[in-house]
């Protein structure tokens, strides 16, 4: 087997996926974080946000950010 063919087989095997070795195990997972929008329009910090990787500084997880908006009921607005 020639060297080029061996390298191509290694590349296609998934052994080298291009991700940081320190956070490779965290890729492909998803995390849901929650924030709340206050009446004055400010948004609280997301709760449960994953920490960045110490080696590459990126957050490898897929983050789903849920923003809870508090809306006054129509009955309360009419008072």
C-alpha atoms as a PDB file:
ATOM      1  CA  UNK A   1       0.000   0.000   0.000  1.00  0.00           C
ATOM      2  CA  UNK A   2       1.322   3.420  -0.917  1.00  0.00           C
ATOM      3  CA  UNK A   3       1.745   6.207   1.612  1.00  0.00           C
ATOM      4  CA  UNK A   4      -0.870   8.464  -0.028  1.00  0.00           C
ATOM      5  CA  UNK A   5      -3.504   5.719   0.153  1.00  0.00           C
ATOM      6  CA  UNK A   6      -2.687   5.033   3.808  1.00  0.00           C
ATOM      7  CA  UNK A   7      -3.015   8.734   4.666  1.00  0.00           C
ATOM      8  CA  UNK A   8      -6.356   8.955   2.884  1.00  0.00           C
ATOM      9  CA  UNK A   9      -7.638   5.929   4.805  1.00  0.00           C
ATOM     10  CA  UNK A  10      -6.559   7.525   8.089  1.00  0.00           C
ATOM     11  CA  UNK A  11      -8.253  10.818   7.201  1.00  0.00           C
ATOM     12  CA  UNK A  12     -11.525   9.070   6.352  1.00  0.00           C
ATOM     13  CA  UNK A  13     -11.446   6.882   9.459  1.00  0.00           C
ATOM     14  CA  UNK A  14     -12.442   9.807  11.686  1.00  0.00           C
ATOM     15  CA  UNK A  15      -9.282   9.583  13.723  1.00  0.00           C
ATOM     16  CA  UNK A  16      -8.444  13.163  12.795  1.00  0.00           C
ATOM     17  CA  UNK A  17     -11.665  15.118  13.128  1.00  0.00           C
ATOM     18  CA  UNK A  18     -10.048  18.563  13.411  1.00  0.00           C
ATOM     19  CA  UNK A  19     -11.321  19.262  16.925  1.00  0.00           C
ATOM     20  CA  UNK A  20      -9.255  20.202  19.951  1.00  0.00           C
ATOM     21  CA  UNK A  21      -8.074  17.047  21.752  1.00  0.00           C
ATOM     22  CA  UNK A  22      -8.891  18.553  25.153  1.00  0.00           C
ATOM     23  CA  UNK A  23     -12.594  19.111  24.386  1.00  0.00           C
ATOM     24  CA  UNK A  24     -13.190  16.498  21.673  1.00  0.00           C
ATOM     25  CA  UNK A  25     -15.437  14.479  24.024  1.00  0.00           C
ATOM     26  CA  UNK A  26     -17.751  17.506  24.447  1.00  0.00           C
ATOM     27  CA  UNK A  27     -18.444  17.961  20.698  1.00  0.00           C
ATOM     28  CA  UNK A  28     -21.861  16.853  19.554  1.00  0.00           C
ATOM     29  CA  UNK A  29     -23.583  17.426  22.886  1.00  0.00           C
ATOM     30  CA  UNK A  30     -26.233  20.079  23.366  1.00  0.00           C
ATOM     31  CA  UNK A  31     -26.948  22.235  26.401  1.00  0.00           C
ATOM     32  CA  UNK A  32     -30.082  24.282  27.124  1.00  0.00           C
ATOM     33  CA  UNK A  33     -29.607  27.515  29.063  1.00  0.00           C
ATOM     34  CA  UNK A  34     -32.292  29.857  30.360  1.00  0.00           C
ATOM     35  CA  UNK A  35     -32.367  33.655  30.667  1.00  0.00           C
ATOM     36  CA  UNK A  36     -35.112  36.023  31.709  1.00  0.00           C
ATOM     37  CA  UNK A  37     -35.971  39.410  30.224  1.00  0.00           C
ATOM     38  CA  UNK A  38     -36.917  41.866  32.941  1.00  0.00           C
ATOM     39  CA  UNK A  39     -39.535  44.608  32.645  1.00  0.00           C
ATOM     40  CA  UNK A  40     -36.863  47.252  31.965  1.00  0.00           C
ATOM     41  CA  UNK A  41     -35.616  45.297  28.936  1.00  0.00           C
ATOM     42  CA  UNK A  42     -32.409  43.902  30.471  1.00  0.00           C
ATOM     43  CA  UNK A  43     -31.647  40.217  30.135  1.00  0.00           C
ATOM     44  CA  UNK A  44     -30.194  38.105  32.940  1.00  0.00           C
ATOM     45  CA  UNK A  45     -27.085  35.999  32.416  1.00  0.00           C
ATOM     46  CA  UNK A  46     -27.829  32.504  31.103  1.00  0.00           C
ATOM     47  CA  UNK A  47     -28.003  29.851  33.825  1.00  0.00           C
ATOM     48  CA  UNK A  48     -26.102  26.621  33.168  1.00  0.00           C
ATOM     49  CA  UNK A  49     -23.788  28.012  30.480  1.00  0.00           C
ATOM     50  CA  UNK A  50     -20.922  25.542  29.803  1.00  0.00           C
ATOM     51  CA  UNK A  51     -17.378  26.721  30.435  1.00  0.00           C
ATOM     52  CA  UNK A  52     -15.007  27.275  27.512  1.00  0.00           C
ATOM     53  CA  UNK A  53     -12.254  24.753  26.864  1.00  0.00           C
ATOM     54  CA  UNK A  54      -9.074  25.560  28.787  1.00  0.00           C
ATOM     55  CA  UNK A  55      -6.900  24.713  25.786  1.00  0.00           C
ATOM     56  CA  UNK A  56      -8.659  26.316  22.794  1.00  0.00           C
ATOM     57  CA  UNK A  57     -10.990  28.767  24.578  1.00  0.00           C
ATOM     58  CA  UNK A  58     -14.104  27.735  22.636  1.00  0.00           C
ATOM     59  CA  UNK A  59     -17.398  26.256  23.820  1.00  0.00           C
ATOM     60  CA  UNK A  60     -17.728  23.001  21.842  1.00  0.00           C
ATOM     61  CA  UNK A  61     -21.317  22.194  22.842  1.00  0.00           C
ATOM     62  CA  UNK A  62     -24.337  23.310  20.862  1.00  0.00           C
ATOM     63  CA  UNK A  63     -26.034  25.882  23.112  1.00  0.00           C
ATOM     64  CA  UNK A  64     -29.819  26.330  22.953  1.00  0.00           C
ATOM     65  CA  UNK A  65     -30.637  29.651  24.623  1.00  0.00           C
ATOM     66  CA  UNK A  66     -34.216  29.992  25.906  1.00  0.00           C
ATOM     67  CA  UNK A  67     -35.273  33.555  26.687  1.00  0.00           C
ATOM     68  CA  UNK A  68     -38.243  33.877  29.019  1.00  0.00           C
ATOM     69  CA  UNK A  69     -40.140  37.120  28.471  1.00  0.00           C
ATOM     70  CA  UNK A  70     -42.463  38.251  31.247  1.00  0.00           C
ATOM     71  CA  UNK A  71     -45.570  39.849  29.764  1.00  0.00           C
ATOM     72  CA  UNK A  72     -48.202  41.535  31.902  1.00  0.00           C
ATOM     73  CA  UNK A  73     -51.686  40.107  31.531  1.00  0.00           C
ATOM     74  CA  UNK A  74     -54.257  42.260  29.679  1.00  0.00           C
ATOM     75  CA  UNK A  75     -56.406  42.443  32.840  1.00  0.00           C
ATOM     76  CA  UNK A  76     -53.518  43.954  34.812  1.00  0.00           C
ATOM     77  CA  UNK A  77     -52.833  46.518  32.086  1.00  0.00           C
ATOM     78  CA  UNK A  78     -56.446  47.724  32.128  1.00  0.00           C
ATOM     79  CA  UNK A  79     -56.368  48.598  35.841  1.00  0.00           C
END
